[in-house]
Amino acid sequence: MPFIRIDIASKLSKDQKALLSQRMTDAIVEIAGAPRQATYVIINELERDDIAQGGTLISDRA
């Protein structure tokens, strides 16, 4: 049973999450032959204060 985890630094609407989940599920079913009903998509929305690149918080970048 596949788990697809998406970490994203923006807020998505419910409709966007539904579409993203559908398309990611379609891809894993098509490419890996995974059963649709056993596929989970987990969307984790991160705040810009929760992400750093090169040691600098994204929220602190100009």
N, C-alpha and C. Protein backbone atom coordinates (compact mmCIF):
# COMPACT_ATOMS: atom_id res chain seq x y z
N MET A 1 0.84 -1.16 0.00
CA MET A 1 0.00 0.00 0.00
C MET A 1 0.89 1.23 0.00
N PRO A 2 0.85 2.02 -1.06
CA PRO A 2 1.72 3.19 -1.16
C PRO A 2 1.19 4.38 -0.35
N PHE A 3 2.15 5.09 0.23
CA PHE A 3 1.88 6.37 0.88
C PHE A 3 2.64 7.43 0.09
N ILE A 4 1.95 8.45 -0.36
CA ILE A 4 2.56 9.57 -1.06
C ILE A 4 2.50 10.75 -0.12
N ARG A 5 3.66 11.27 0.24
CA ARG A 5 3.70 12.40 1.17
C ARG A 5 4.14 13.64 0.41
N ILE A 6 3.37 14.70 0.55
CA ILE A 6 3.66 15.96 -0.11
C ILE A 6 3.85 17.02 0.96
N ASP A 7 5.03 17.60 1.03
CA ASP A 7 5.30 18.73 1.92
C ASP A 7 5.30 19.98 1.04
N ILE A 8 4.49 20.96 1.40
CA ILE A 8 4.35 22.14 0.55
C ILE A 8 4.35 23.39 1.42
N ALA A 9 5.03 24.41 0.94
CA ALA A 9 5.16 25.66 1.69
C ALA A 9 4.13 26.68 1.23
N SER A 10 2.92 26.25 1.10
CA SER A 10 1.84 27.17 0.76
C SER A 10 0.53 26.55 1.20
N LYS A 11 -0.48 27.36 1.28
CA LYS A 11 -1.80 26.87 1.66
C LYS A 11 -2.56 26.53 0.39
N LEU A 12 -3.18 25.37 0.39
CA LEU A 12 -3.98 24.92 -0.74
C LEU A 12 -5.44 24.91 -0.34
N SER A 13 -6.29 25.17 -1.29
CA SER A 13 -7.73 25.07 -1.03
C SER A 13 -8.12 23.59 -1.00
N LYS A 14 -9.30 23.31 -0.52
CA LYS A 14 -9.79 21.94 -0.50
C LYS A 14 -9.85 21.37 -1.92
N ASP A 15 -10.29 22.19 -2.88
CA ASP A 15 -10.35 21.74 -4.27
C ASP A 15 -8.96 21.43 -4.82
N GLN A 16 -7.98 22.25 -4.49
CA GLN A 16 -6.61 22.00 -4.94
C GLN A 16 -6.06 20.71 -4.34
N LYS A 17 -6.35 20.48 -3.06
CA LYS A 17 -5.91 19.25 -2.41
C LYS A 17 -6.56 18.03 -3.04
N ALA A 18 -7.84 18.14 -3.36
CA ALA A 18 -8.54 17.03 -4.00
C ALA A 18 -7.94 16.71 -5.36
N LEU A 19 -7.68 17.74 -6.17
CA LEU A 19 -7.10 17.54 -7.49
C LEU A 19 -5.68 16.97 -7.39
N LEU A 20 -4.88 17.50 -6.49
CA LEU A 20 -3.52 16.99 -6.29
C LEU A 20 -3.56 15.53 -5.87
N SER A 21 -4.44 15.19 -4.96
CA SER A 21 -4.58 13.80 -4.49
C SER A 21 -5.00 12.87 -5.62
N GLN A 22 -5.95 13.31 -6.43
CA GLN A 22 -6.41 12.50 -7.56
C GLN A 22 -5.29 12.25 -8.55
N ARG A 23 -4.55 13.29 -8.89
CA ARG A 23 -3.50 13.15 -9.90
C ARG A 23 -2.31 12.33 -9.40
N MET A 24 -1.96 12.50 -8.14
CA MET A 24 -0.87 11.70 -7.57
C MET A 24 -1.28 10.23 -7.51
N THR A 25 -2.52 9.98 -7.15
CA THR A 25 -3.03 8.60 -7.11
C THR A 25 -3.04 8.01 -8.51
N ASP A 26 -3.52 8.78 -9.49
CA ASP A 26 -3.51 8.31 -10.88
C ASP A 26 -2.10 7.92 -11.32
N ALA A 27 -1.12 8.75 -10.96
CA ALA A 27 0.27 8.49 -11.37
C ALA A 27 0.81 7.20 -10.76
N ILE A 28 0.59 6.98 -9.47
CA ILE A 28 1.14 5.78 -8.83
C ILE A 28 0.43 4.52 -9.32
N VAL A 29 -0.86 4.65 -9.63
CA VAL A 29 -1.61 3.51 -10.19
C VAL A 29 -1.06 3.17 -11.57
N GLU A 30 -0.87 4.20 -12.41
CA GLU A 30 -0.39 3.99 -13.78
C GLU A 30 1.06 3.50 -13.81
N ILE A 31 1.92 4.12 -13.05
CA ILE A 31 3.35 3.83 -13.14
C ILE A 31 3.75 2.58 -12.37
N ALA A 32 3.22 2.43 -11.16
CA ALA A 32 3.66 1.33 -10.29
C ALA A 32 2.64 0.20 -10.20
N GLY A 33 1.46 0.41 -10.78
CA GLY A 33 0.44 -0.63 -10.72
C GLY A 33 -0.16 -0.80 -9.34
N ALA A 34 -0.07 0.24 -8.52
CA ALA A 34 -0.60 0.17 -7.15
C ALA A 34 -2.13 0.17 -7.19
N PRO A 35 -2.76 -0.53 -6.26
CA PRO A 35 -4.21 -0.50 -6.21
C PRO A 35 -4.71 0.87 -5.73
N ARG A 36 -5.64 1.44 -6.47
CA ARG A 36 -6.16 2.78 -6.18
C ARG A 36 -6.67 2.88 -4.74
N GLN A 37 -7.47 1.93 -4.31
CA GLN A 37 -8.10 2.01 -2.99
C GLN A 37 -7.11 1.83 -1.84
N ALA A 38 -5.91 1.36 -2.13
CA ALA A 38 -4.90 1.16 -1.09
C ALA A 38 -3.84 2.26 -1.10
N THR A 39 -4.07 3.32 -1.88
CA THR A 39 -3.11 4.41 -2.01
C THR A 39 -3.52 5.58 -1.14
N TYR A 40 -2.58 6.06 -0.35
CA TYR A 40 -2.82 7.19 0.55
C TYR A 40 -1.99 8.38 0.10
N VAL A 41 -2.58 9.57 0.14
CA VAL A 41 -1.87 10.81 -0.14
C VAL A 41 -1.96 11.66 1.13
N ILE A 42 -0.81 12.08 1.62
CA ILE A 42 -0.74 12.90 2.82
C ILE A 42 -0.16 14.25 2.43
N ILE A 43 -0.92 15.31 2.64
CA ILE A 43 -0.48 16.66 2.30
C ILE A 43 -0.17 17.40 3.59
N ASN A 44 1.08 17.82 3.72
CA ASN A 44 1.54 18.53 4.90
C ASN A 44 1.87 19.96 4.50
N GLU A 45 1.05 20.89 4.93
CA GLU A 45 1.27 22.30 4.62
C GLU A 45 2.18 22.91 5.69
N LEU A 46 3.30 23.41 5.24
CA LEU A 46 4.31 23.97 6.14
C LEU A 46 4.27 25.49 6.10
N GLU A 47 4.53 26.08 7.25
CA GLU A 47 4.70 27.53 7.31
C GLU A 47 6.10 27.87 6.82
N ARG A 48 6.27 29.08 6.32
CA ARG A 48 7.59 29.48 5.82
C ARG A 48 8.62 29.53 6.95
N ASP A 49 8.16 29.64 8.20
CA ASP A 49 9.07 29.60 9.35
C ASP A 49 9.54 28.18 9.67
N ASP A 50 8.93 27.18 9.06
CA ASP A 50 9.26 25.78 9.32
C ASP A 50 10.28 25.22 8.33
N ILE A 51 10.72 26.02 7.37
CA ILE A 51 11.60 25.54 6.30
C ILE A 51 12.83 26.43 6.23
N ALA A 52 13.99 25.81 6.15
CA ALA A 52 15.23 26.56 5.96
C ALA A 52 15.95 26.00 4.74
N GLN A 53 16.61 26.90 4.02
CA GLN A 53 17.44 26.50 2.89
C GLN A 53 18.80 27.16 3.09
N GLY A 54 19.83 26.35 3.05
CA GLY A 54 21.18 26.88 3.25
C GLY A 54 21.36 27.51 4.62
N GLY A 55 20.60 27.04 5.61
CA GLY A 55 20.73 27.55 6.97
C GLY A 55 19.91 28.79 7.26
N THR A 56 19.15 29.26 6.28
CA THR A 56 18.33 30.47 6.46
C THR A 56 16.86 30.12 6.30
N LEU A 57 16.05 30.58 7.25
CA LEU A 57 14.62 30.34 7.14
C LEU A 57 14.08 30.98 5.86
N ILE A 58 13.19 30.29 5.21
CA ILE A 58 12.58 30.81 3.99
C ILE A 58 11.90 32.16 4.27
N SER A 59 11.29 32.27 5.44
CA SER A 59 10.59 33.51 5.80
C SER A 59 11.54 34.70 5.94
N ASP A 60 12.83 34.44 6.16
CA ASP A 60 13.81 35.51 6.31
C ASP A 60 14.49 35.90 5.00
N ARG A 61 14.21 35.18 3.94
CA ARG A 61 14.83 35.51 2.65
C ARG A 61 14.15 36.73 2.05
N ALA A 62 14.94 37.55 1.43
CA ALA A 62 14.39 38.77 0.80
C ALA A 62 13.78 38.47 -0.53
